[in-house]
Amino acid sequence: MVELWTPQGSTYIGEELVGYNGETSASIVIHTFQFYDPVTDRRQMVKIPADPEVSRDHVEDMAAQALENFLLECKGFNDTKKPTEDQRKEIGRQIEEFRVYNSKRKESTNNRIYYRGT
């Protein structure tokens, strides 16, 4: 097994023979990398297929590009802020209001709000 260079934040798991090219009979291997983002605590496995004509440098460049894309994607997950206590209460009030409205609407046959006779 050839140890490949990995960018910081990734780990090289190894390579695995998956088959042979039908036209050239060259062996095809898959290089597996694991990426980790410490900010969002997300992990991702990336598999890069290669044959003997693909250089190690090219596989390493593809892994670095995949890590960069992964980290850019993870930046969007941490931007949302948690709602405050007052905001959560307001969200709960709106959900309850919608639930009541929906149950009253279901009482009618034409989806208009009608109240039951008292």
PDB file of N, CA and C in Angstrom:
ATOM      1  N   MET A   1       0.841  -1.182   0.000  1.00  0.00           N
ATOM      2  CA  MET A   1       0.000   0.000   0.000  1.00  0.00           C
ATOM      3  C   MET A   1       0.882   1.239   0.000  1.00  0.00           C
ATOM      4  N   VAL A   2       0.559   2.161  -0.870  1.00  0.00           N
ATOM      5  CA  VAL A   2       1.295   3.410  -0.985  1.00  0.00           C
ATOM      6  C   VAL A   2       0.615   4.438  -0.089  1.00  0.00           C
ATOM      7  N   GLU A   3       1.388   5.100   0.752  1.00  0.00           N
ATOM      8  CA  GLU A   3       0.837   6.127   1.630  1.00  0.00           C
ATOM      9  C   GLU A   3       0.807   7.453   0.872  1.00  0.00           C
ATOM     10  N   LEU A   4      -0.373   8.036   0.750  1.00  0.00           N
ATOM     11  CA  LEU A   4      -0.526   9.287   0.041  1.00  0.00           C
ATOM     12  C   LEU A   4      -0.499  10.456   1.012  1.00  0.00           C
ATOM     13  N   TRP A   5      -0.063  11.607   0.506  1.00  0.00           N
ATOM     14  CA  TRP A   5      -0.099  12.822   1.303  1.00  0.00           C
ATOM     15  C   TRP A   5      -1.551  13.250   1.459  1.00  0.00           C
ATOM     16  N   THR A   6      -1.896  13.692   2.646  1.00  0.00           N
ATOM     17  CA  THR A   6      -3.253  14.169   2.877  1.00  0.00           C
ATOM     18  C   THR A   6      -3.203  15.572   3.459  1.00  0.00           C
ATOM     19  N   PRO A   7      -4.114  16.431   3.046  1.00  0.00           N
ATOM     20  CA  PRO A   7      -4.163  17.764   3.633  1.00  0.00           C
ATOM     21  C   PRO A   7      -4.621  17.698   5.086  1.00  0.00           C
ATOM     22  N   GLN A   8      -4.348  18.752   5.828  1.00  0.00           N
ATOM     23  CA  GLN A   8      -4.738  18.788   7.228  1.00  0.00           C
ATOM     24  C   GLN A   8      -6.254  18.739   7.321  1.00  0.00           C
ATOM     25  N   GLY A   9      -6.767  17.895   8.195  1.00  0.00           N
ATOM     26  CA  GLY A   9      -8.205  17.714   8.334  1.00  0.00           C
ATOM     27  C   GLY A   9      -8.711  16.475   7.622  1.00  0.00           C
ATOM     28  N   SER A  10      -7.802  15.733   7.011  1.00  0.00           N
ATOM     29  CA  SER A  10      -8.214  14.507   6.332  1.00  0.00           C
ATOM     30  C   SER A  10      -7.282  13.366   6.707  1.00  0.00           C
ATOM     31  N   THR A  11      -7.783  12.159   6.508  1.00  0.00           N
ATOM     32  CA  THR A  11      -7.016  10.952   6.808  1.00  0.00           C
ATOM     33  C   THR A  11      -7.101  10.027   5.607  1.00  0.00           C
ATOM     34  N   TYR A  12      -5.956   9.463   5.234  1.00  0.00           N
ATOM     35  CA  TYR A  12      -5.946   8.499   4.136  1.00  0.00           C
ATOM     36  C   TYR A  12      -6.245   7.128   4.727  1.00  0.00           C
ATOM     37  N   ILE A  13      -7.336   6.505   4.298  1.00  0.00           N
ATOM     38  CA  ILE A  13      -7.743   5.203   4.823  1.00  0.00           C
ATOM     39  C   ILE A  13      -6.992   4.078   4.116  1.00  0.00           C
ATOM     40  N   GLY A  14      -6.905   4.168   2.810  1.00  0.00           N
ATOM     41  CA  GLY A  14      -6.197   3.124   2.069  1.00  0.00           C
ATOM     42  C   GLY A  14      -6.719   3.005   0.651  1.00  0.00           C
ATOM     43  N   GLU A  15      -6.197   2.011  -0.043  1.00  0.00           N
ATOM     44  CA  GLU A  15      -6.639   1.753  -1.411  1.00  0.00           C
ATOM     45  C   GLU A  15      -7.200   0.349  -1.489  1.00  0.00           C
ATOM     46  N   GLU A  16      -8.075   0.166  -2.467  1.00  0.00           N
ATOM     47  CA  GLU A  16      -8.755  -1.109  -2.606  1.00  0.00           C
ATOM     48  C   GLU A  16      -8.922  -1.414  -4.094  1.00  0.00           C
ATOM     49  N   LEU A  17      -8.536  -2.609  -4.492  1.00  0.00           N
ATOM     50  CA  LEU A  17      -8.694  -3.040  -5.882  1.00  0.00           C
ATOM     51  C   LEU A  17     -10.161  -3.364  -6.114  1.00  0.00           C
ATOM     52  N   VAL A  18     -10.768  -2.711  -7.119  1.00  0.00           N
ATOM     53  CA  VAL A  18     -12.192  -2.920  -7.361  1.00  0.00           C
ATOM     54  C   VAL A  18     -12.476  -3.620  -8.674  1.00  0.00           C
ATOM     55  N   GLY A  19     -11.518  -3.688  -9.567  1.00  0.00           N
ATOM     56  CA  GLY A  19     -11.763  -4.362 -10.835  1.00  0.00           C
ATOM     57  C   GLY A  19     -10.746  -3.985 -11.883  1.00  0.00           C
ATOM     58  N   TYR A  20     -11.093  -4.304 -13.115  1.00  0.00           N
ATOM     59  CA  TYR A  20     -10.199  -4.063 -14.234  1.00  0.00           C
ATOM     60  C   TYR A  20     -10.953  -3.337 -15.339  1.00  0.00           C
ATOM     61  N   ASN A  21     -10.249  -2.485 -16.053  1.00  0.00           N
ATOM     62  CA  ASN A  21     -10.816  -1.766 -17.177  1.00  0.00           C
ATOM     63  C   ASN A  21     -11.056  -2.753 -18.312  1.00  0.00           C
ATOM     64  N   GLY A  22     -12.258  -2.734 -18.885  1.00  0.00           N
ATOM     65  CA  GLY A  22     -12.605  -3.685 -19.937  1.00  0.00           C
ATOM     66  C   GLY A  22     -11.818  -3.476 -21.212  1.00  0.00           C
ATOM     67  N   GLU A  23     -11.444  -2.241 -21.516  1.00  0.00           N
ATOM     68  CA  GLU A  23     -10.748  -1.958 -22.761  1.00  0.00           C
ATOM     69  C   GLU A  23      -9.246  -2.182 -22.647  1.00  0.00           C
ATOM     70  N   THR A  24      -8.643  -1.706 -21.565  1.00  0.00           N
ATOM     71  CA  THR A  24      -7.183  -1.776 -21.440  1.00  0.00           C
ATOM     72  C   THR A  24      -6.708  -2.858 -20.488  1.00  0.00           C
ATOM     73  N   SER A  25      -7.603  -3.489 -19.770  1.00  0.00           N
ATOM     74  CA  SER A  25      -7.281  -4.513 -18.770  1.00  0.00           C
ATOM     75  C   SER A  25      -6.406  -3.971 -17.644  1.00  0.00           C
ATOM     76  N   ALA A  26      -6.400  -2.669 -17.454  1.00  0.00           N
ATOM     77  CA  ALA A  26      -5.633  -2.071 -16.359  1.00  0.00           C
ATOM     78  C   ALA A  26      -6.436  -2.191 -15.061  1.00  0.00           C
ATOM     79  N   SER A  27      -5.730  -2.398 -13.977  1.00  0.00           N
ATOM     80  CA  SER A  27      -6.403  -2.531 -12.686  1.00  0.00           C
ATOM     81  C   SER A  27      -6.905  -1.161 -12.221  1.00  0.00           C
ATOM     82  N   ILE A  28      -8.077  -1.153 -11.602  1.00  0.00           N
ATOM     83  CA  ILE A  28      -8.660   0.074 -11.078  1.00  0.00           C
ATOM     84  C   ILE A  28      -8.720  -0.040  -9.560  1.00  0.00           C
ATOM     85  N   VAL A  29      -8.168   0.960  -8.894  1.00  0.00           N
ATOM     86  CA  VAL A  29      -8.182   0.989  -7.432  1.00  0.00           C
ATOM     87  C   VAL A  29      -8.968   2.219  -6.975  1.00  0.00           C
ATOM     88  N   ILE A  30      -9.490   2.132  -5.764  1.00  0.00           N
ATOM     89  CA  ILE A  30     -10.190   3.264  -5.165  1.00  0.00           C
ATOM     90  C   ILE A  30      -9.404   3.692  -3.937  1.00  0.00           C
ATOM     91  N   HIS A  31      -9.030   4.976  -3.907  1.00  0.00           N
ATOM     92  CA  HIS A  31      -8.347   5.556  -2.759  1.00  0.00           C
ATOM     93  C   HIS A  31      -9.416   6.180  -1.866  1.00  0.00           C
ATOM     94  N   THR A  32      -9.408   5.837  -0.577  1.00  0.00           N
ATOM     95  CA  THR A  32     -10.433   6.307   0.350  1.00  0.00           C
ATOM     96  C   THR A  32      -9.826   7.305   1.327  1.00  0.00           C
ATOM     97  N   PHE A  33     -10.494   8.435   1.463  1.00  0.00           N
ATOM     98  CA  PHE A  33     -10.092   9.485   2.394  1.00  0.00           C
ATOM     99  C   PHE A  33     -11.256   9.772   3.330  1.00  0.00           C
ATOM    100  N   GLN A  34     -10.933  10.162   4.564  1.00  0.00           N
ATOM    101  CA  GLN A  34     -11.959  10.610   5.496  1.00  0.00           C
ATOM    102  C   GLN A  34     -11.673  12.053   5.857  1.00  0.00           C
ATOM    103  N   PHE A  35     -12.696  12.908   5.712  1.00  0.00           N
ATOM    104  CA  PHE A  35     -12.564  14.326   6.027  1.00  0.00           C
ATOM    105  C   PHE A  35     -13.273  14.618   7.341  1.00  0.00           C
ATOM    106  N   TYR A  36     -12.769  15.615   8.069  1.00  0.00           N
ATOM    107  CA  TYR A  36     -13.359  16.006   9.344  1.00  0.00           C
ATOM    108  C   TYR A  36     -13.344  17.520   9.463  1.00  0.00           C
ATOM    109  N   ASP A  37     -14.477  18.072   9.850  1.00  0.00           N
ATOM    110  CA  ASP A  37     -14.585  19.509  10.100  1.00  0.00           C
ATOM    111  C   ASP A  37     -14.788  19.703  11.600  1.00  0.00           C
ATOM    112  N   PRO A  38     -13.797  20.264  12.309  1.00  0.00           N
ATOM    113  CA  PRO A  38     -13.919  20.394  13.764  1.00  0.00           C
ATOM    114  C   PRO A  38     -14.963  21.418  14.196  1.00  0.00           C
ATOM    115  N   VAL A  39     -15.310  22.369  13.332  1.00  0.00           N
ATOM    116  CA  VAL A  39     -16.282  23.398  13.712  1.00  0.00           C
ATOM    117  C   VAL A  39     -17.683  22.810  13.800  1.00  0.00           C
ATOM    118  N   THR A  40     -18.090  22.067  12.769  1.00  0.00           N
ATOM    119  CA  THR A  40     -19.432  21.489  12.748  1.00  0.00           C
ATOM    120  C   THR A  40     -19.450  20.039  13.213  1.00  0.00           C
ATOM    121  N   ASP A  41     -18.304  19.456  13.437  1.00  0.00           N
ATOM    122  CA  ASP A  41     -18.160  18.061  13.879  1.00  0.00           C
ATOM    123  C   ASP A  41     -18.757  17.086  12.857  1.00  0.00           C
ATOM    124  N   ARG A  42     -18.622  17.419  11.575  1.00  0.00           N
ATOM    125  CA  ARG A  42     -19.098  16.556  10.503  1.00  0.00           C
ATOM    126  C   ARG A  42     -17.934  15.755   9.933  1.00  0.00           C
ATOM    127  N   ARG A  43     -18.253  14.555   9.462  1.00  0.00           N
ATOM    128  CA  ARG A  43     -17.271  13.684   8.819  1.00  0.00           C
ATOM    129  C   ARG A  43     -17.826  13.229   7.481  1.00  0.00           C
ATOM    130  N   GLN A  44     -16.912  12.945   6.563  1.00  0.00           N
ATOM    131  CA  GLN A  44     -17.337  12.479   5.245  1.00  0.00           C
ATOM    132  C   GLN A  44     -16.259  11.582   4.668  1.00  0.00           C
ATOM    133  N   MET A  45     -16.694  10.509   4.024  1.00  0.00           N
ATOM    134  CA  MET A  45     -15.784   9.598   3.335  1.00  0.00           C
ATOM    135  C   MET A  45     -15.804   9.955   1.850  1.00  0.00           C
ATOM    136  N   VAL A  46     -14.615   9.996   1.235  1.00  0.00           N
ATOM    137  CA  VAL A  46     -14.492  10.293  -0.183  1.00  0.00           C
ATOM    138  C   VAL A  46     -13.682   9.177  -0.819  1.00  0.00           C
ATOM    139  N   LYS A  47     -14.172   8.677  -1.943  1.00  0.00           N
ATOM    140  CA  LYS A  47     -13.484   7.611  -2.673  1.00  0.00           C
ATOM    141  C   LYS A  47     -13.108   8.134  -4.041  1.00  0.00           C
ATOM    142  N   ILE A  48     -11.843   8.003  -4.380  1.00  0.00           N
ATOM    143  CA  ILE A  48     -11.329   8.503  -5.650  1.00  0.00           C
ATOM    144  C   ILE A  48     -10.828   7.312  -6.469  1.00  0.00           C
ATOM    145  N   PRO A  49     -11.482   6.998  -7.591  1.00  0.00           N
ATOM    146  CA  PRO A  49     -11.018   5.894  -8.426  1.00  0.00           C
ATOM    147  C   PRO A  49      -9.804   6.314  -9.252  1.00  0.00           C
ATOM    148  N   ALA A  50      -8.919   5.368  -9.468  1.00  0.00           N
ATOM    149  CA  ALA A  50      -7.715   5.653 -10.252  1.00  0.00           C
ATOM    150  C   ALA A  50      -7.226   4.366 -10.912  1.00  0.00           C
ATOM    151  N   ASP A  51      -6.578   4.527 -12.055  1.00  0.00           N
ATOM    152  CA  ASP A  51      -5.911   3.404 -12.703  1.00  0.00           C
ATOM    153  C   ASP A  51      -4.415   3.705 -12.724  1.00  0.00           C
ATOM    154  N   PRO A  52      -3.582   2.804 -13.221  1.00  0.00           N
ATOM    155  CA  PRO A  52      -2.132   3.032 -13.176  1.00  0.00           C
ATOM    156  C   PRO A  52      -1.670   4.268 -13.939  1.00  0.00           C
ATOM    157  N   GLU A  53      -2.464   4.757 -14.890  1.00  0.00           N
ATOM    158  CA  GLU A  53      -2.060   5.935 -15.650  1.00  0.00           C
ATOM    159  C   GLU A  53      -2.229   7.233 -14.855  1.00  0.00           C
ATOM    160  N   VAL A  54      -3.025   7.208 -13.786  1.00  0.00           N
ATOM    161  CA  VAL A  54      -3.251   8.396 -12.965  1.00  0.00           C
ATOM    162  C   VAL A  54      -2.110   8.501 -11.956  1.00  0.00           C
ATOM    163  N   SER A  55      -1.460   9.664 -11.919  1.00  0.00           N
ATOM    164  CA  SER A  55      -0.308   9.832 -11.026  1.00  0.00           C
ATOM    165  C   SER A  55      -0.760  10.051  -9.582  1.00  0.00           C
ATOM    166  N   ARG A  56       0.164   9.803  -8.656  1.00  0.00           N
ATOM    167  CA  ARG A  56      -0.111  10.039  -7.228  1.00  0.00           C
ATOM    168  C   ARG A  56      -0.430  11.504  -6.987  1.00  0.00           C
ATOM    169  N   ASP A  57       0.290  12.378  -7.666  1.00  0.00           N
ATOM    170  CA  ASP A  57       0.064  13.815  -7.482  1.00  0.00           C
ATOM    171  C   ASP A  57      -1.364  14.204  -7.869  1.00  0.00           C
ATOM    172  N   HIS A  58      -1.866  13.598  -8.937  1.00  0.00           N
ATOM    173  CA  HIS A  58      -3.224  13.913  -9.369  1.00  0.00           C
ATOM    174  C   HIS A  58      -4.255  13.437  -8.341  1.00  0.00           C
ATOM    175  N   VAL A  59      -4.055  12.258  -7.774  1.00  0.00           N
ATOM    176  CA  VAL A  59      -4.960  11.747  -6.737  1.00  0.00           C
ATOM    177  C   VAL A  59      -4.910  12.652  -5.511  1.00  0.00           C
ATOM    178  N   GLU A  60      -3.701  13.096  -5.136  1.00  0.00           N
ATOM    179  CA  GLU A  60      -3.560  13.992  -3.990  1.00  0.00           C
ATOM    180  C   GLU A  60      -4.232  15.336  -4.259  1.00  0.00           C
ATOM    181  N   ASP A  61      -4.115  15.847  -5.482  1.00  0.00           N
ATOM    182  CA  ASP A  61      -4.773  17.104  -5.840  1.00  0.00           C
ATOM    183  C   ASP A  61      -6.297  16.964  -5.793  1.00  0.00           C
ATOM    184  N   MET A  62      -6.811  15.834  -6.277  1.00  0.00           N
ATOM    185  CA  MET A  62      -8.252  15.608  -6.229  1.00  0.00           C
ATOM    186  C   MET A  62      -8.738  15.528  -4.783  1.00  0.00           C
ATOM    187  N   ALA A  63      -7.958  14.891  -3.905  1.00  0.00           N
ATOM    188  CA  ALA A  63      -8.335  14.807  -2.494  1.00  0.00           C
ATOM    189  C   ALA A  63      -8.331  16.192  -1.851  1.00  0.00           C
ATOM    190  N   ALA A  64      -7.334  17.011  -2.182  1.00  0.00           N
ATOM    191  CA  ALA A  64      -7.272  18.365  -1.627  1.00  0.00           C
ATOM    192  C   ALA A  64      -8.460  19.200  -2.110  1.00  0.00           C
ATOM    193  N   GLN A  65      -8.825  19.070  -3.377  1.00  0.00           N
ATOM    194  CA  GLN A  65      -9.969  19.804  -3.905  1.00  0.00           C
ATOM    195  C   GLN A  65     -11.264  19.336  -3.254  1.00  0.00           C
ATOM    196  N   ALA A  66     -11.404  18.030  -3.046  1.00  0.00           N
ATOM    197  CA  ALA A  66     -12.602  17.500  -2.396  1.00  0.00           C
ATOM    198  C   ALA A  66     -12.696  17.997  -0.951  1.00  0.00           C
ATOM    199  N   LEU A  67     -11.561  18.076  -0.242  1.00  0.00           N
ATOM    200  CA  LEU A  67     -11.568  18.587   1.133  1.00  0.00           C
ATOM    201  C   LEU A  67     -11.972  20.055   1.148  1.00  0.00           C
ATOM    202  N   GLU A  68     -11.456  20.818   0.198  1.00  0.00           N
ATOM    203  CA  GLU A  68     -11.806  22.237   0.126  1.00  0.00           C
ATOM    204  C   GLU A  68     -13.309  22.413  -0.105  1.00  0.00           C
ATOM    205  N   ASN A  69     -13.884  21.623  -0.999  1.00  0.00           N
ATOM    206  CA  ASN A  69     -15.326  21.682  -1.259  1.00  0.00           C
ATOM    207  C   ASN A  69     -16.122  21.273  -0.020  1.00  0.00           C
ATOM    208  N   PHE A  70     -15.641  20.255   0.684  1.00  0.00           N
ATOM    209  CA  PHE A  70     -16.310  19.789   1.901  1.00  0.00           C
ATOM    210  C   PHE A  70     -16.318  20.881   2.963  1.00  0.00           C
ATOM    211  N   LEU A  71     -15.189  21.551   3.166  1.00  0.00           N
ATOM    212  CA  LEU A  71     -15.115  22.600   4.175  1.00  0.00           C
ATOM    213  C   LEU A  71     -15.973  23.810   3.798  1.00  0.00           C
ATOM    214  N   LEU A  72     -16.025  24.148   2.503  1.00  0.00           N
ATOM    215  CA  LEU A  72     -16.901  25.237   2.060  1.00  0.00           C
ATOM    216  C   LEU A  72     -18.367  24.891   2.292  1.00  0.00           C
ATOM    217  N   GLU A  73     -18.714  23.641   2.055  1.00  0.00           N
ATOM    218  CA  GLU A  73     -20.080  23.190   2.277  1.00  0.00           C
ATOM    219  C   GLU A  73     -20.438  23.231   3.769  1.00  0.00           C
ATOM    220  N   CYS A  74     -19.485  22.892   4.610  1.00  0.00           N
ATOM    221  CA  CYS A  74     -19.737  22.861   6.056  1.00  0.00           C
ATOM    222  C   CYS A  74     -19.902  24.258   6.642  1.00  0.00           C
ATOM    223  N   LYS A  75     -19.349  25.262   6.012  1.00  0.00           N
ATOM    224  CA  LYS A  75     -19.475  26.625   6.544  1.00  0.00           C
ATOM    225  C   LYS A  75     -20.925  27.061   6.614  1.00  0.00           C
ATOM    226  N   GLY A  76     -21.744  26.623   5.681  1.00  0.00           N
ATOM    227  CA  GLY A  76     -23.147  27.007   5.664  1.00  0.00           C
ATOM    228  C   GLY A  76     -23.967  26.378   6.768  1.00  0.00           C
ATOM    229  N   PHE A  77     -23.497  25.277   7.359  1.00  0.00           N
ATOM    230  CA  PHE A  77     -24.274  24.588   8.381  1.00  0.00           C
ATOM    231  C   PHE A  77     -24.191  25.265   9.743  1.00  0.00           C
ATOM    232  N   ASN A  78     -23.155  26.036   9.995  1.00  0.00           N
ATOM    233  CA  ASN A  78     -22.955  26.600  11.319  1.00  0.00           C
ATOM    234  C   ASN A  78     -23.424  28.052  11.412  1.00  0.00           C
ATOM    235  N   ASP A  79     -23.967  28.615  10.333  1.00  0.00           N
ATOM    236  CA  ASP A  79     -24.341  30.018  10.327  1.00  0.00           C
ATOM    237  C   ASP A  79     -25.643  30.302  11.061  1.00  0.00           C
ATOM    238  N   THR A  80     -26.518  29.312  11.162  1.00  0.00           N
ATOM    239  CA  THR A  80     -27.802  29.572  11.799  1.00  0.00           C
ATOM    240  C   THR A  80     -27.634  29.656  13.311  1.00  0.00           C
ATOM    241  N   LYS A  81     -28.266  30.658  13.884  1.00  0.00           N
ATOM    242  CA  LYS A  81     -28.196  30.835  15.326  1.00  0.00           C
ATOM    243  C   LYS A  81     -29.421  30.209  15.961  1.00  0.00           C
ATOM    244  N   LYS A  82     -29.272  29.735  17.179  1.00  0.00           N
ATOM    245  CA  LYS A  82     -30.395  29.156  17.894  1.00  0.00           C
ATOM    246  C   LYS A  82     -31.344  30.279  18.311  1.00  0.00           C
ATOM    247  N   PRO A  83     -32.648  30.010  18.274  1.00  0.00           N
ATOM    248  CA  PRO A  83     -33.587  31.055  18.672  1.00  0.00           C
ATOM    249  C   PRO A  83     -33.517  31.311  20.183  1.00  0.00           C
ATOM    250  N   THR A  84     -33.821  32.549  20.549  1.00  0.00           N
ATOM    251  CA  THR A  84     -33.828  32.898  21.963  1.00  0.00           C
ATOM    252  C   THR A  84     -35.095  32.342  22.610  1.00  0.00           C
ATOM    253  N   GLU A  85     -35.194  32.487  23.918  1.00  0.00           N
ATOM    254  CA  GLU A  85     -36.355  31.977  24.650  1.00  0.00           C
ATOM    255  C   GLU A  85     -37.644  32.632  24.160  1.00  0.00           C
ATOM    256  N   ASP A  86     -37.631  33.952  23.958  1.00  0.00           N
ATOM    257  CA  ASP A  86     -38.825  34.649  23.480  1.00  0.00           C
ATOM    258  C   ASP A  86     -39.190  34.209  22.061  1.00  0.00           C
ATOM    259  N   GLN A  87     -38.196  34.013  21.220  1.00  0.00           N
ATOM    260  CA  GLN A  87     -38.465  33.566  19.854  1.00  0.00           C
ATOM    261  C   GLN A  87     -39.064  32.160  19.850  1.00  0.00           C
ATOM    262  N   ARG A  88     -38.584  31.295  20.716  1.00  0.00           N
ATOM    263  CA  ARG A  88     -39.134  29.939  20.798  1.00  0.00           C
ATOM    264  C   ARG A  88     -40.588  29.967  21.266  1.00  0.00           C
ATOM    265  N   LYS A  89     -40.899  30.839  22.226  1.00  0.00           N
ATOM    266  CA  LYS A  89     -42.282  30.953  22.684  1.00  0.00           C
ATOM    267  C   LYS A  89     -43.182  31.444  21.554  1.00  0.00           C
ATOM    268  N   GLU A  90     -42.703  32.412  20.783  1.00  0.00           N
ATOM    269  CA  GLU A  90     -43.484  32.929  19.661  1.00  0.00           C
ATOM    270  C   GLU A  90     -43.678  31.849  18.595  1.00  0.00           C
ATOM    271  N   ILE A  91     -42.657  31.078  18.325  1.00  0.00           N
ATOM    272  CA  ILE A  91     -42.774  29.971  17.360  1.00  0.00           C
ATOM    273  C   ILE A  91     -43.795  28.961  17.849  1.00  0.00           C
ATOM    274  N   GLY A  92     -43.761  28.645  19.140  1.00  0.00           N
ATOM    275  CA  GLY A  92     -44.728  27.716  19.716  1.00  0.00           C
ATOM    276  C   GLY A  92     -46.153  28.233  19.617  1.00  0.00           C
ATOM    277  N   ARG A  93     -46.359  29.541  19.864  1.00  0.00           N
ATOM    278  CA  ARG A  93     -47.686  30.142  19.734  1.00  0.00           C
ATOM    279  C   ARG A  93     -48.186  30.031  18.290  1.00  0.00           C
ATOM    280  N   GLN A  94     -47.307  30.305  17.330  1.00  0.00           N
ATOM    281  CA  GLN A  94     -47.708  30.245  15.922  1.00  0.00           C
ATOM    282  C   GLN A  94     -48.050  28.818  15.503  1.00  0.00           C
ATOM    283  N   ILE A  95     -47.298  27.852  15.990  1.00  0.00           N
ATOM    284  CA  ILE A  95     -47.578  26.452  15.663  1.00  0.00           C
ATOM    285  C   ILE A  95     -48.924  26.046  16.236  1.00  0.00           C
ATOM    286  N   GLU A  96     -49.192  26.433  17.478  1.00  0.00           N
ATOM    287  CA  GLU A  96     -50.475  26.100  18.111  1.00  0.00           C
ATOM    288  C   GLU A  96     -51.629  26.777  17.379  1.00  0.00           C
ATOM    289  N   GLU A  97     -51.457  28.043  16.977  1.00  0.00           N
ATOM    290  CA  GLU A  97     -52.485  28.760  16.233  1.00  0.00           C
ATOM    291  C   GLU A  97     -52.773  28.060  14.907  1.00  0.00           C
ATOM    292  N   PHE A  98     -51.726  27.617  14.214  1.00  0.00           N
ATOM    293  CA  PHE A  98     -51.923  26.920  12.950  1.00  0.00           C
ATOM    294  C   PHE A  98     -52.617  25.583  13.165  1.00  0.00           C
ATOM    295  N   ARG A  99     -52.264  24.874  14.235  1.00  0.00           N
ATOM    296  CA  ARG A  99     -52.893  23.582  14.526  1.00  0.00           C
ATOM    297  C   ARG A  99     -54.388  23.751  14.765  1.00  0.00           C
ATOM    298  N   VAL A 100     -54.759  24.754  15.535  1.00  0.00           N
ATOM    299  CA  VAL A 100     -56.176  25.019  15.797  1.00  0.00           C
ATOM    300  C   VAL A 100     -56.885  25.405  14.505  1.00  0.00           C
ATOM    301  N   TYR A 101     -56.287  26.286  13.723  1.00  0.00           N
ATOM    302  CA  TYR A 101     -56.869  26.712  12.453  1.00  0.00           C
ATOM    303  C   TYR A 101     -57.070  25.511  11.531  1.00  0.00           C
ATOM    304  N   ASN A 102     -56.089  24.645  11.463  1.00  0.00           N
ATOM    305  CA  ASN A 102     -56.154  23.479  10.583  1.00  0.00           C
ATOM    306  C   ASN A 102     -57.257  22.526  11.032  1.00  0.00           C
ATOM    307  N   SER A 103     -57.400  22.314  12.330  1.00  0.00           N
ATOM    308  CA  SER A 103     -58.447  21.409  12.806  1.00  0.00           C
ATOM    309  C   SER A 103     -59.832  21.982  12.525  1.00  0.00           C
ATOM    310  N   LYS A 104     -60.016  23.307  12.648  1.00  0.00           N
ATOM    311  CA  LYS A 104     -61.302  23.928  12.338  1.00  0.00           C
ATOM    312  C   LYS A 104     -61.599  23.847  10.849  1.00  0.00           C
ATOM    313  N   ARG A 105     -60.578  24.007  10.017  1.00  0.00           N
ATOM    314  CA  ARG A 105     -60.781  23.939   8.575  1.00  0.00           C
ATOM    315  C   ARG A 105     -61.191  22.534   8.152  1.00  0.00           C
ATOM    316  N   LYS A 106     -60.684  21.525   8.826  1.00  0.00           N
ATOM    317  CA  LYS A 106     -61.015  20.140   8.479  1.00  0.00           C
ATOM    318  C   LYS A 106     -62.459  19.798   8.831  1.00  0.00           C
ATOM    319  N   GLU A 107     -63.101  20.597   9.681  1.00  0.00           N
ATOM    320  CA  GLU A 107     -64.484  20.338  10.048  1.00  0.00           C
ATOM    321  C   GLU A 107     -65.431  20.625   8.897  1.00  0.00           C
ATOM    322  N   SER A 108     -65.045  21.460   7.964  1.00  0.00           N
ATOM    323  CA  SER A 108     -65.934  21.830   6.875  1.00  0.00           C
ATOM    324  C   SER A 108     -65.641  20.977   5.651  1.00  0.00           C
ATOM    325  N   THR A 109     -66.559  21.051   4.695  1.00  0.00           N
ATOM    326  CA  THR A 109     -66.383  20.258   3.473  1.00  0.00           C
ATOM    327  C   THR A 109     -65.742  21.049   2.356  1.00  0.00           C
ATOM    328  N   ASN A 110     -65.698  22.374   2.462  1.00  0.00           N
ATOM    329  CA  ASN A 110     -65.124  23.164   1.376  1.00  0.00           C
ATOM    330  C   ASN A 110     -63.880  23.934   1.831  1.00  0.00           C
ATOM    331  N   ASN A 111     -63.219  23.502   2.888  1.00  0.00           N
ATOM    332  CA  ASN A 111     -61.962  24.056   3.417  1.00  0.00           C
ATOM    333  C   ASN A 111     -62.086  25.513   3.876  1.00  0.00           C
ATOM    334  N   ARG A 112     -63.285  25.918   4.236  1.00  0.00           N
ATOM    335  CA  ARG A 112     -63.458  27.225   4.858  1.00  0.00           C
ATOM    336  C   ARG A 112     -63.663  27.006   6.345  1.00  0.00           C
ATOM    337  N   ILE A 113     -63.365  28.012   7.090  1.00  0.00           N
ATOM    338  CA  ILE A 113     -63.477  27.867   8.539  1.00  0.00           C
ATOM    339  C   ILE A 113     -64.934  28.037   8.945  1.00  0.00           C
ATOM    340  N   TYR A 114     -65.485  27.000   9.516  1.00  0.00           N
ATOM    341  CA  TYR A 114     -66.802  27.063  10.123  1.00  0.00           C
ATOM    342  C   TYR A 114     -66.670  26.515  11.537  1.00  0.00           C
ATOM    343  N   TYR A 115     -67.383  27.133  12.426  1.00  0.00           N
ATOM    344  CA  TYR A 115     -67.324  26.689  13.815  1.00  0.00           C
ATOM    345  C   TYR A 115     -68.515  25.776  14.077  1.00  0.00           C
ATOM    346  N   ARG A 116     -68.307  24.822  14.942  1.00  0.00           N
ATOM    347  CA  ARG A 116     -69.389  23.905  15.317  1.00  0.00           C
ATOM    348  C   ARG A 116     -70.481  24.676  16.045  1.00  0.00           C
ATOM    349  N   GLY A 117     -71.680  24.202  15.901  1.00  0.00           N
ATOM    350  CA  GLY A 117     -72.790  24.829  16.626  1.00  0.00           C
ATOM    351  C   GLY A 117     -72.640  24.560  18.115  1.00  0.00           C
ATOM    352  N   THR A 118     -72.965  25.532  18.906  1.00  0.00           N
ATOM    353  CA  THR A 118     -72.821  25.359  20.354  1.00  0.00           C
ATOM    354  C   THR A 118     -74.033  24.737  20.985  1.00  0.00           C
TER     355      THR A 118
END
